[in-house]
N, C-alpha and C. Protein backbone atom coordinates (compact mmCIF):
# COMPACT_ATOMS: atom_id res chain seq x y z
N UNK A 1 15.48 2.09 -10.21
CA UNK A 1 14.70 2.19 -8.79
C UNK A 1 13.51 2.82 -9.10
N UNK A 2 12.86 2.62 -8.21
CA UNK A 2 11.38 2.92 -8.09
C UNK A 2 11.15 4.22 -7.33
N UNK A 3 9.94 4.81 -8.00
CA UNK A 3 9.55 6.14 -7.23
C UNK A 3 9.07 6.33 -5.74
N UNK A 4 9.51 7.37 -5.10
CA UNK A 4 9.22 7.58 -3.79
C UNK A 4 8.10 8.62 -3.01
N UNK A 5 7.33 7.95 -2.63
CA UNK A 5 5.88 8.97 -2.18
C UNK A 5 6.08 9.26 -1.08
N UNK A 6 5.80 10.40 -0.14
CA UNK A 6 5.48 10.42 1.25
C UNK A 6 4.01 10.50 1.21
N UNK A 7 3.18 10.12 2.10
CA UNK A 7 1.43 9.99 2.08
C UNK A 7 1.19 10.96 3.42
N UNK A 8 0.43 11.94 2.97
CA UNK A 8 -0.39 12.38 4.00
C UNK A 8 -1.94 12.22 4.22
N UNK A 9 -2.18 11.87 5.48
CA UNK A 9 -3.67 11.54 5.24
C UNK A 9 -4.65 12.19 4.64
N UNK A 10 -4.31 13.58 4.78
CA UNK A 10 -5.28 14.44 4.25
C UNK A 10 -5.47 14.81 3.12
N UNK A 11 -4.03 14.69 2.46
CA UNK A 11 -3.82 14.50 1.19
C UNK A 11 -2.87 13.43 0.53
N UNK A 12 -3.70 12.44 0.01
CA UNK A 12 -2.94 11.55 -0.18
C UNK A 12 -1.67 11.66 -0.92
N UNK A 13 -1.74 12.47 -2.11
CA UNK A 13 -0.82 12.42 -2.94
C UNK A 13 0.01 13.71 -3.08
N UNK A 14 0.50 13.98 -1.71
CA UNK A 14 1.26 15.11 -1.32
C UNK A 14 2.72 14.70 -1.71
N UNK A 15 2.85 16.04 -2.45
CA UNK A 15 4.47 15.82 -3.35
C UNK A 15 5.61 15.79 -2.55
N UNK A 16 6.90 14.85 -2.89
CA UNK A 16 7.84 14.64 -2.46
C UNK A 16 8.96 15.19 -3.34
N UNK A 17 9.93 16.05 -2.86
CA UNK A 17 10.84 16.58 -4.10
C UNK A 17 11.48 15.40 -5.12
N UNK A 18 11.58 14.17 -4.54
CA UNK A 18 12.16 13.31 -5.73
C UNK A 18 11.31 12.79 -6.72
N UNK A 19 9.92 12.99 -6.24
CA UNK A 19 8.53 12.19 -6.82
C UNK A 19 8.17 12.55 -8.04
N UNK A 20 7.65 11.75 -9.19
CA UNK A 20 7.18 12.47 -10.21
C UNK A 20 5.76 11.59 -10.50
N UNK A 21 4.94 12.15 -9.14
CA UNK A 21 3.55 11.51 -9.36
C UNK A 21 2.64 12.10 -10.46
N UNK A 22 3.31 13.29 -11.18
CA UNK A 22 2.17 13.40 -12.49
C UNK A 22 2.44 12.47 -13.61
N UNK A 23 3.47 11.84 -13.59
CA UNK A 23 3.58 10.70 -14.59
C UNK A 23 2.40 9.74 -14.48
N UNK A 24 1.69 9.49 -13.05
CA UNK A 24 0.79 8.47 -12.98
C UNK A 24 -0.60 9.12 -13.40
N UNK A 25 -1.08 8.00 -14.36
CA UNK A 25 -2.54 8.69 -14.75
C UNK A 25 -3.46 8.62 -13.77
N UNK A 26 -4.87 9.14 -13.96
CA UNK A 26 -5.75 9.36 -12.63
C UNK A 26 -6.17 7.95 -12.13
N UNK A 27 -6.38 6.97 -13.26
CA UNK A 27 -6.75 6.00 -12.68
C UNK A 27 -5.64 4.95 -12.08
N UNK A 28 -4.58 5.10 -12.21
CA UNK A 28 -3.40 4.40 -11.22
C UNK A 28 -3.54 5.08 -9.65
N UNK A 29 -3.85 6.71 -9.77
CA UNK A 29 -3.85 7.44 -8.44
C UNK A 29 -5.10 6.62 -7.61
N UNK A 30 -6.52 6.75 -8.51
CA UNK A 30 -7.39 6.28 -7.91
C UNK A 30 -7.31 4.80 -7.13
N UNK A 31 -6.41 3.96 -7.81
CA UNK A 31 -6.48 2.60 -7.72
C UNK A 31 -5.30 2.56 -6.18
N UNK A 32 -4.37 3.35 -6.48
CA UNK A 32 -3.31 3.23 -5.02
C UNK A 32 -4.25 3.74 -3.87
N UNK A 33 -4.77 4.97 -4.44
CA UNK A 33 -5.64 5.48 -3.00
C UNK A 33 -6.55 4.44 -2.66
N UNK A 34 -7.43 3.91 -3.24
CA UNK A 34 -8.54 2.98 -2.89
C UNK A 34 -7.61 1.88 -1.99
N UNK A 35 -6.65 1.20 -2.41
CA UNK A 35 -5.88 -0.16 -1.91
C UNK A 35 -5.25 0.68 -0.56
N UNK A 36 -4.48 1.93 -0.81
CA UNK A 36 -4.11 2.53 0.69
C UNK A 36 -5.23 2.28 1.81
N UNK A 37 -6.36 2.60 1.57
CA UNK A 37 -7.64 2.58 2.43
C UNK A 37 -8.09 1.33 2.65
N UNK A 38 -7.98 0.62 2.01
CA UNK A 38 -8.40 -1.11 2.15
C UNK A 38 -7.15 -1.58 2.96
N UNK A 39 -6.03 -1.38 2.98
CA UNK A 39 -4.74 -1.90 3.64
C UNK A 39 -5.18 -1.51 5.19
N UNK A 40 -5.65 -0.19 5.54
CA UNK A 40 -5.78 0.50 6.64
C UNK A 40 -6.79 -0.15 7.30
N UNK A 41 -8.21 -0.41 6.52
CA UNK A 41 -9.24 -0.80 6.95
C UNK A 41 -9.12 -2.29 7.28
N UNK A 42 -8.77 -3.02 6.54
CA UNK A 42 -8.64 -4.53 6.82
C UNK A 42 -7.64 -5.17 8.14
N UNK A 43 -6.52 -4.11 8.14
CA UNK A 43 -5.82 -4.43 9.63
C UNK A 43 -6.40 -3.79 10.46
N UNK A 44 -7.29 -2.84 10.60
CA UNK A 44 -7.96 -2.09 11.56
C UNK A 44 -9.04 -3.07 12.33
N UNK A 45 -9.82 -3.82 11.36
CA UNK A 45 -10.56 -4.88 11.62
C UNK A 45 -9.72 -5.87 12.37
N UNK A 46 -8.64 -6.18 12.50
CA UNK A 46 -7.91 -7.27 13.21
C UNK A 46 -7.33 -6.55 14.54
N UNK A 47 -7.93 -5.20 14.78
CA UNK A 47 -7.11 -4.53 16.16
C UNK A 47 -5.85 -4.26 15.80
N UNK A 48 -5.07 -3.92 14.71
CA UNK A 48 -3.86 -3.57 14.34
C UNK A 48 -3.97 -2.29 13.72
N UNK A 49 -3.76 -1.20 14.74
CA UNK A 49 -3.96 0.17 14.09
C UNK A 49 -2.59 0.55 13.08
N UNK A 50 -2.72 1.17 12.05
CA UNK A 50 -1.71 1.08 11.27
C UNK A 50 -2.06 2.55 10.54
N UNK A 51 -1.29 3.40 9.53
CA UNK A 51 -1.17 4.42 8.98
C UNK A 51 -0.49 4.13 7.72
N UNK A 52 -0.74 4.81 6.86
CA UNK A 52 0.15 4.64 5.59
C UNK A 52 0.90 5.92 5.57
N UNK A 53 2.25 5.73 5.59
CA UNK A 53 3.44 6.99 5.53
C UNK A 53 4.00 6.92 4.39
N UNK A 54 4.24 6.09 3.64
CA UNK A 54 4.83 6.33 2.59
C UNK A 54 4.46 5.31 1.12
N UNK A 55 4.83 5.75 0.16
CA UNK A 55 4.29 4.83 -1.02
C UNK A 55 5.65 4.77 -1.87
N UNK A 56 6.12 3.57 -1.97
CA UNK A 56 7.12 3.39 -3.18
C UNK A 56 6.82 2.56 -4.45
N UNK A 57 7.02 2.84 -5.61
CA UNK A 57 6.39 2.37 -6.62
C UNK A 57 7.50 1.83 -7.41
N UNK A 58 7.61 0.39 -7.35
CA UNK A 58 8.65 -0.29 -8.24
C UNK A 58 7.97 -0.66 -9.57
N UNK A 59 8.75 -1.27 -10.50
CA UNK A 59 8.40 -1.19 -11.66
C UNK A 59 7.02 -2.75 -11.85
N UNK A 60 7.13 -3.55 -10.93
CA UNK A 60 5.78 -4.47 -10.90
C UNK A 60 5.05 -4.60 -9.64
N UNK A 61 5.36 -3.66 -8.58
CA UNK A 61 4.35 -3.55 -7.56
C UNK A 61 4.74 -2.02 -6.92
N UNK A 62 3.43 -1.76 -6.09
CA UNK A 62 3.44 -0.83 -5.23
C UNK A 62 3.92 -1.54 -3.86
N UNK A 63 4.71 -0.50 -3.11
CA UNK A 63 5.33 -0.97 -1.89
C UNK A 63 4.49 0.51 -0.83
N UNK A 64 3.54 -0.21 -0.09
CA UNK A 64 2.92 0.64 0.78
C UNK A 64 3.50 0.56 2.25
N UNK A 65 4.26 1.76 2.68
CA UNK A 65 5.18 1.77 3.95
C UNK A 65 4.11 2.31 5.40
N UNK A 66 3.94 1.47 6.30
CA UNK A 66 3.21 1.75 7.32
C UNK A 66 3.81 1.94 8.53
N UNK A 67 2.91 3.29 9.61
CA UNK A 67 3.58 3.13 10.53
C UNK A 67 2.77 2.41 11.28
N UNK A 68 3.04 1.82 12.47
CA UNK A 68 2.27 0.88 13.43
C UNK A 68 2.50 1.61 14.83
N UNK A 69 0.81 1.28 15.51
CA UNK A 69 0.64 2.00 16.97
C UNK A 69 1.82 1.19 17.67
N UNK A 70 2.02 1.97 19.09
CA UNK A 70 2.97 1.47 19.75
C UNK A 70 2.29 -0.04 20.42
N UNK A 71 2.81 -0.96 20.81
CA UNK A 71 1.81 -2.26 20.99
C UNK A 71 1.49 -3.16 20.14
N UNK A 72 1.22 -2.83 18.68
CA UNK A 72 1.01 -3.75 17.91
C UNK A 72 1.62 -4.96 17.66
N UNK A 73 1.32 -5.98 17.73
CA UNK A 73 1.57 -7.42 17.86
C UNK A 73 2.09 -7.31 16.10
N UNK A 74 3.64 -7.48 15.39
CA UNK A 74 3.98 -7.70 14.59
C UNK A 74 3.57 -8.98 13.50
N UNK A 75 3.54 -9.86 14.28
CA UNK A 75 3.12 -11.29 13.92
C UNK A 75 1.22 -11.16 13.45
N UNK A 76 0.71 -10.35 14.59
CA UNK A 76 -0.53 -10.17 14.26
C UNK A 76 -0.88 -9.83 12.57
N UNK A 77 -0.08 -8.91 12.26
CA UNK A 77 -0.22 -8.17 10.53
C UNK A 77 0.44 -9.21 9.60
N UNK A 78 1.39 -10.23 10.19
CA UNK A 78 1.60 -11.25 9.14
C UNK A 78 0.98 -12.33 8.97
N UNK A 79 0.11 -12.52 10.14
CA UNK A 79 -1.03 -13.83 9.94
C UNK A 79 -2.21 -13.25 9.17
N UNK A 80 -2.26 -11.82 9.05
CA UNK A 80 -3.62 -11.43 8.12
C UNK A 80 -3.12 -11.32 6.44
N UNK A 81 -2.19 -11.41 6.39
CA UNK A 81 -1.71 -11.20 5.01
C UNK A 81 -2.47 -11.65 3.65
N UNK A 82 -2.90 -12.80 3.77
CA UNK A 82 -4.36 -13.50 3.21
C UNK A 82 -5.40 -12.28 3.08
N UNK A 83 -5.81 -11.68 4.34
CA UNK A 83 -6.68 -10.84 4.24
C UNK A 83 -6.77 -9.67 3.37
N UNK A 84 -5.30 -9.07 3.62
CA UNK A 84 -5.14 -7.87 2.79
C UNK A 84 -5.07 -8.41 1.51
N UNK A 85 -4.45 -9.47 0.96
CA UNK A 85 -4.49 -9.63 -0.67
C UNK A 85 -5.72 -9.65 -1.00
N UNK A 86 -7.02 -10.15 -0.33
CA UNK A 86 -7.74 -10.22 -0.99
C UNK A 86 -8.59 -9.24 -0.56
N UNK A 87 -8.53 -8.33 0.16
CA UNK A 87 -9.17 -6.69 0.22
C UNK A 87 -8.50 -6.10 -0.97
N UNK A 88 -7.42 -6.15 -1.57
CA UNK A 88 -6.74 -5.44 -2.16
C UNK A 88 -7.09 -5.90 -3.89
N UNK A 89 -7.69 -7.33 -3.98
CA UNK A 89 -7.69 -8.24 -4.92
C UNK A 89 -6.12 -7.87 -5.95
N UNK A 90 -5.29 -8.57 -5.10
CA UNK A 90 -3.98 -8.99 -5.37
C UNK A 90 -3.88 -9.96 -6.88
N UNK A 91 -3.51 -9.58 -7.73
CA UNK A 91 -3.58 -10.30 -8.96
C UNK A 91 -2.98 -11.78 -8.79
N UNK A 92 -2.11 -11.61 -8.02
CA UNK A 92 -1.25 -13.22 -8.04
C UNK A 92 -2.08 -13.83 -6.27
N UNK A 93 -2.81 -13.22 -5.84
CA UNK A 93 -3.51 -13.57 -4.74
C UNK A 93 -2.52 -13.18 -3.25
N UNK A 94 -1.68 -12.87 -3.69
CA UNK A 94 -0.50 -12.42 -2.29
C UNK A 94 -0.08 -11.18 -2.54
N UNK A 95 0.58 -11.05 -1.20
CA UNK A 95 1.13 -9.57 -0.95
C UNK A 95 2.46 -10.19 -0.17
N UNK A 96 3.28 -9.17 -0.48
CA UNK A 96 4.87 -9.50 0.34
C UNK A 96 4.74 -8.48 1.01
N UNK A 97 5.16 -8.99 2.51
CA UNK A 97 5.26 -8.30 3.60
C UNK A 97 6.94 -7.87 4.18
N UNK A 98 7.37 -6.60 4.74
CA UNK A 98 8.78 -6.79 4.99
C UNK A 98 8.42 -5.88 6.19
N UNK A 99 8.70 -6.95 7.34
CA UNK A 99 8.63 -6.53 8.57
C UNK A 99 9.80 -6.95 9.77
N UNK A 100 10.40 -5.60 10.00
CA UNK A 100 10.14 -4.49 9.92
C UNK A 100 11.23 -4.01 8.18
N UNK A 101 10.94 -2.70 8.08
CA UNK A 101 11.94 -2.30 7.14
C UNK A 101 12.97 -2.15 7.66
N UNK A 102 14.31 -2.37 6.71
CA UNK A 102 15.55 -2.52 7.55
C UNK A 102 16.20 -1.00 7.94
N UNK A 103 16.43 -0.32 9.18
CA UNK A 103 16.58 0.73 9.51
C UNK A 103 15.66 1.75 9.40
N UNK A 104 14.45 1.66 9.33
CA UNK A 104 12.84 2.33 9.21
C UNK A 104 12.09 1.72 10.68
N UNK A 105 11.29 2.47 11.06
CA UNK A 105 10.47 2.22 12.26
C UNK A 105 9.09 1.98 11.37
N UNK A 106 9.17 1.38 10.34
CA UNK A 106 7.98 1.17 9.49
C UNK A 106 7.74 -0.25 9.00
N UNK A 107 6.65 -0.66 8.41
CA UNK A 107 6.64 -1.90 7.80
C UNK A 107 6.20 -2.05 6.16
N UNK A 108 6.59 -2.77 5.51
CA UNK A 108 6.31 -2.42 3.97
C UNK A 108 5.18 -3.70 3.42
N UNK A 109 4.09 -3.36 2.79
CA UNK A 109 3.25 -3.87 2.17
C UNK A 109 3.59 -4.06 0.79
N UNK A 110 4.19 -4.98 -0.11
CA UNK A 110 4.04 -4.99 -1.64
C UNK A 110 3.06 -5.60 -2.10
N UNK A 111 1.93 -4.61 -2.95
CA UNK A 111 1.09 -5.30 -3.82
C UNK A 111 1.35 -5.41 -5.29
N UNK A 112 1.24 -6.43 -6.01
CA UNK A 112 1.60 -6.48 -7.28
C UNK A 112 0.70 -5.57 -8.33
N UNK A 113 1.32 -5.31 -9.02
CA UNK A 113 0.57 -3.87 -9.97
C UNK A 113 -0.35 -4.91 -10.72
N UNK A 114 -1.37 -4.61 -11.11
CA UNK A 114 -2.36 -5.19 -11.76
C UNK A 114 -2.09 -4.78 -13.52
N UNK A 115 -2.56 -5.86 -14.35
CA UNK A 115 -2.68 -5.36 -15.80
C UNK A 115 -3.48 -4.12 -16.20
N UNK A 116 -3.00 -3.68 -17.07
CA UNK A 116 -3.68 -2.18 -17.83
C UNK A 116 -5.45 -3.09 -17.69
N UNK A 117 -5.83 -3.75 -18.22
CA UNK A 117 -7.06 -4.17 -18.61
C UNK A 117 -7.85 -4.70 -17.21
N UNK A 118 -6.91 -5.29 -16.11
CA UNK A 118 -7.83 -5.36 -14.93
C UNK A 118 -7.61 -4.03 -13.86
N UNK A 119 -6.80 -3.09 -14.09
CA UNK A 119 -6.80 -1.77 -13.39
C UNK A 119 -8.40 -1.05 -14.13
N UNK A 120 -8.34 -1.37 -15.22
CA UNK A 120 -9.61 -0.50 -16.14
C UNK A 120 -10.95 -0.93 -15.37
N UNK A 121 -10.88 -2.26 -15.36
CA UNK A 121 -11.83 -3.29 -14.92
C UNK A 121 -12.25 -2.70 -13.63
N UNK A 122 -11.27 -2.64 -12.41
CA UNK A 122 -11.45 -2.49 -11.11
C UNK A 122 -12.11 -1.23 -10.86
N UNK A 123 -11.34 -0.20 -11.83
CA UNK A 123 -12.00 1.29 -11.49
C UNK A 123 -13.17 1.63 -11.79
N UNK A 124 -13.61 0.84 -13.00
CA UNK A 124 -14.71 1.36 -13.64
C UNK A 124 -15.93 0.28 -12.77
N UNK A 125 -15.59 -0.20 -11.84
CA UNK A 125 -16.69 -1.17 -11.35
C UNK A 125 -16.80 -0.33 -9.83
């Protein structure tokens, strides 16, 4: 099972009881934080008001779980999956959307984890 993180806008890495964020290195934390901002800003550019609410860490992906503003067209978010993949420099060129997450008032965006070498390159540039 992946790690589960609650995200707070003021402090992105707010600890949730079952989370072990201490296990993430500083570069991975920076990468996750940068992607969260990029996802929000990319969707805002298309008038989709969202806020990162949670992060779930899977073995091969980071899943950003978003709250959306009332009245936001979910199809509009789906239409912009390629722009999200471009913004976060997805290693596969794609992101996986889960709209909505069953049993939750959230949508999910899964971003593939980059290789260690690619992560080093992205953070250092």
